């Protein structure tokens, strides 16, 4: 049975409440943000991230499973 790795993104996403964000592939840094996924994605591509991970940062943090 394989283990599921849990990643705490609360510190990484704390300044991006209720926005779309693009993370580096290893999920350690925000490389794009915006009101739409496309805006966040385009910013990430412009910064050289080839495979960004897109997600919507929650408005209020609590338990949040992606």
N, C-alpha and C. Protein backbone atom coordinates (compact mmCIF):
# COMPACT_ATOMS: atom_id res chain seq x y z
N UNK A 1 0.84 -1.17 0.00
CA UNK A 1 0.00 0.00 0.00
C UNK A 1 0.89 1.24 0.00
N UNK A 2 0.63 2.18 -0.90
CA UNK A 2 1.44 3.38 -0.96
C UNK A 2 0.90 4.45 -0.01
N UNK A 3 1.80 5.29 0.44
CA UNK A 3 1.43 6.36 1.35
C UNK A 3 1.11 7.62 0.56
N UNK A 4 0.17 8.39 1.05
CA UNK A 4 -0.15 9.68 0.44
C UNK A 4 0.61 10.75 1.20
N UNK A 5 1.34 11.57 0.47
CA UNK A 5 2.13 12.63 1.08
C UNK A 5 1.24 13.85 1.30
N UNK A 6 1.24 14.37 2.50
CA UNK A 6 0.47 15.55 2.85
C UNK A 6 1.39 16.77 2.77
N UNK A 7 0.92 17.82 2.11
CA UNK A 7 1.70 19.05 1.97
C UNK A 7 0.89 20.19 2.57
N UNK A 8 1.47 20.91 3.50
CA UNK A 8 0.81 22.05 4.13
C UNK A 8 1.12 23.30 3.30
N UNK A 9 0.11 23.79 2.60
CA UNK A 9 0.28 24.97 1.75
C UNK A 9 -0.21 26.26 2.42
N UNK A 10 -0.57 26.19 3.69
CA UNK A 10 -1.14 27.36 4.34
C UNK A 10 -0.18 28.55 4.34
N UNK A 11 1.08 28.35 4.58
CA UNK A 11 2.05 29.45 4.57
C UNK A 11 2.29 29.95 3.15
N UNK A 12 2.35 29.03 2.20
CA UNK A 12 2.60 29.39 0.80
C UNK A 12 1.45 30.22 0.22
N UNK A 13 0.22 29.89 0.61
CA UNK A 13 -0.96 30.53 0.02
C UNK A 13 -1.57 31.63 0.86
N UNK A 14 -1.00 31.94 2.00
CA UNK A 14 -1.65 32.89 2.93
C UNK A 14 -1.88 34.28 2.33
N UNK A 15 -1.07 34.71 1.38
CA UNK A 15 -1.22 36.04 0.78
C UNK A 15 -2.05 36.03 -0.51
N UNK A 16 -2.67 34.90 -0.82
CA UNK A 16 -3.39 34.76 -2.08
C UNK A 16 -4.84 34.33 -1.87
N UNK A 17 -5.47 34.80 -0.82
CA UNK A 17 -6.83 34.43 -0.48
C UNK A 17 -7.80 34.65 -1.64
N UNK A 18 -8.53 33.59 -1.99
CA UNK A 18 -9.58 33.65 -3.00
C UNK A 18 -9.07 34.03 -4.39
N UNK A 19 -7.84 33.65 -4.72
CA UNK A 19 -7.26 33.89 -6.05
C UNK A 19 -6.83 32.57 -6.67
N UNK A 20 -6.71 32.56 -7.97
CA UNK A 20 -6.10 31.44 -8.66
C UNK A 20 -4.58 31.60 -8.56
N UNK A 21 -3.90 30.53 -8.26
CA UNK A 21 -2.45 30.57 -8.17
C UNK A 21 -1.85 29.44 -8.97
N UNK A 22 -0.64 29.67 -9.45
CA UNK A 22 0.15 28.65 -10.14
C UNK A 22 1.37 28.38 -9.27
N UNK A 23 1.56 27.12 -8.93
CA UNK A 23 2.70 26.72 -8.11
C UNK A 23 3.75 26.04 -8.97
N UNK A 24 4.98 26.09 -8.50
CA UNK A 24 6.03 25.32 -9.16
C UNK A 24 5.65 23.84 -9.09
N UNK A 25 6.23 23.05 -9.95
CA UNK A 25 5.89 21.63 -10.01
C UNK A 25 6.10 20.93 -8.66
N UNK A 26 7.10 21.38 -7.89
CA UNK A 26 7.35 20.75 -6.59
C UNK A 26 6.52 21.39 -5.47
N UNK A 27 5.64 22.31 -5.82
CA UNK A 27 4.67 22.93 -4.92
C UNK A 27 5.29 23.75 -3.79
N UNK A 28 6.43 24.38 -4.05
CA UNK A 28 7.10 25.13 -2.99
C UNK A 28 7.00 26.64 -3.16
N UNK A 29 6.60 27.12 -4.34
CA UNK A 29 6.61 28.55 -4.60
C UNK A 29 5.48 28.93 -5.55
N UNK A 30 4.86 30.09 -5.29
CA UNK A 30 3.85 30.62 -6.19
C UNK A 30 4.56 31.36 -7.31
N UNK A 31 4.24 31.00 -8.56
CA UNK A 31 4.88 31.63 -9.72
C UNK A 31 3.87 32.36 -10.61
N UNK A 32 2.62 32.38 -10.18
CA UNK A 32 1.59 33.11 -10.91
C UNK A 32 0.36 33.25 -10.06
N UNK A 33 -0.41 34.32 -10.32
CA UNK A 33 -1.65 34.55 -9.58
C UNK A 33 -2.58 35.35 -10.45
N UNK A 34 -3.87 35.27 -10.17
CA UNK A 34 -4.81 36.06 -10.93
C UNK A 34 -6.25 35.73 -10.60
N UNK A 35 -7.15 36.43 -11.28
CA UNK A 35 -8.57 36.20 -11.09
C UNK A 35 -9.07 35.00 -11.88
N UNK A 36 -8.24 34.54 -12.82
CA UNK A 36 -8.61 33.38 -13.63
C UNK A 36 -7.43 32.40 -13.66
N UNK A 37 -7.73 31.13 -13.92
CA UNK A 37 -6.63 30.16 -14.04
C UNK A 37 -5.68 30.50 -15.19
N UNK A 38 -6.22 31.02 -16.27
CA UNK A 38 -5.39 31.36 -17.44
C UNK A 38 -4.37 32.45 -17.08
N UNK A 39 -4.82 33.46 -16.32
CA UNK A 39 -3.92 34.54 -15.92
C UNK A 39 -2.77 34.00 -15.06
N UNK A 40 -3.08 33.15 -14.10
CA UNK A 40 -2.05 32.55 -13.25
C UNK A 40 -1.11 31.67 -14.07
N UNK A 41 -1.70 30.89 -14.97
CA UNK A 41 -0.91 29.99 -15.82
C UNK A 41 0.05 30.77 -16.72
N UNK A 42 -0.44 31.82 -17.35
CA UNK A 42 0.42 32.62 -18.24
C UNK A 42 1.57 33.27 -17.49
N UNK A 43 1.33 33.73 -16.28
CA UNK A 43 2.40 34.31 -15.47
C UNK A 43 3.46 33.25 -15.15
N UNK A 44 3.01 32.04 -14.84
CA UNK A 44 3.95 30.96 -14.53
C UNK A 44 4.80 30.62 -15.75
N UNK A 45 4.17 30.55 -16.91
CA UNK A 45 4.93 30.27 -18.14
C UNK A 45 5.95 31.37 -18.41
N UNK A 46 5.56 32.62 -18.19
CA UNK A 46 6.47 33.75 -18.41
C UNK A 46 7.68 33.69 -17.48
N UNK A 47 7.51 33.06 -16.32
CA UNK A 47 8.61 32.92 -15.36
C UNK A 47 9.42 31.65 -15.59
N UNK A 48 9.08 30.90 -16.65
CA UNK A 48 9.85 29.73 -17.00
C UNK A 48 9.36 28.42 -16.41
N UNK A 49 8.25 28.42 -15.73
CA UNK A 49 7.71 27.17 -15.17
C UNK A 49 6.95 26.45 -16.26
N UNK A 50 7.41 25.27 -16.65
CA UNK A 50 6.81 24.54 -17.77
C UNK A 50 5.59 23.73 -17.38
N UNK A 51 5.52 23.28 -16.14
CA UNK A 51 4.41 22.45 -15.69
C UNK A 51 3.84 22.96 -14.36
N UNK A 52 3.25 24.14 -14.36
CA UNK A 52 2.73 24.67 -13.10
C UNK A 52 1.50 23.90 -12.62
N UNK A 53 1.30 23.93 -11.34
CA UNK A 53 0.12 23.33 -10.73
C UNK A 53 -0.83 24.48 -10.41
N UNK A 54 -2.04 24.41 -10.96
CA UNK A 54 -3.02 25.47 -10.76
C UNK A 54 -4.02 25.07 -9.69
N UNK A 55 -4.35 26.03 -8.83
CA UNK A 55 -5.39 25.79 -7.84
C UNK A 55 -5.96 27.11 -7.38
N UNK A 56 -7.12 27.03 -6.81
CA UNK A 56 -7.77 28.22 -6.26
C UNK A 56 -7.48 28.24 -4.77
N UNK A 57 -6.83 29.31 -4.31
CA UNK A 57 -6.54 29.45 -2.89
C UNK A 57 -7.86 29.72 -2.16
N UNK A 58 -8.11 29.01 -1.09
CA UNK A 58 -9.38 29.22 -0.37
C UNK A 58 -9.45 30.59 0.27
N UNK A 59 -10.66 31.08 0.43
CA UNK A 59 -10.86 32.39 1.05
C UNK A 59 -10.45 32.34 2.53
N UNK A 60 -10.87 31.30 3.19
CA UNK A 60 -10.54 31.11 4.60
C UNK A 60 -9.92 29.72 4.75
N UNK A 61 -8.74 29.69 5.37
CA UNK A 61 -8.08 28.40 5.55
C UNK A 61 -8.73 27.61 6.66
N UNK A 62 -8.73 26.35 6.49
CA UNK A 62 -9.21 25.37 7.45
C UNK A 62 -8.71 24.06 6.89
N UNK A 63 -9.46 23.03 7.00
CA UNK A 63 -9.10 21.79 6.35
C UNK A 63 -9.50 21.90 4.90
N UNK A 64 -8.56 21.72 4.01
CA UNK A 64 -8.79 21.88 2.59
C UNK A 64 -7.99 20.82 1.86
N UNK A 65 -8.65 19.92 1.19
CA UNK A 65 -7.98 18.81 0.50
C UNK A 65 -8.06 19.05 -0.99
N UNK A 66 -6.90 19.05 -1.64
CA UNK A 66 -6.85 19.26 -3.10
C UNK A 66 -6.84 17.94 -3.80
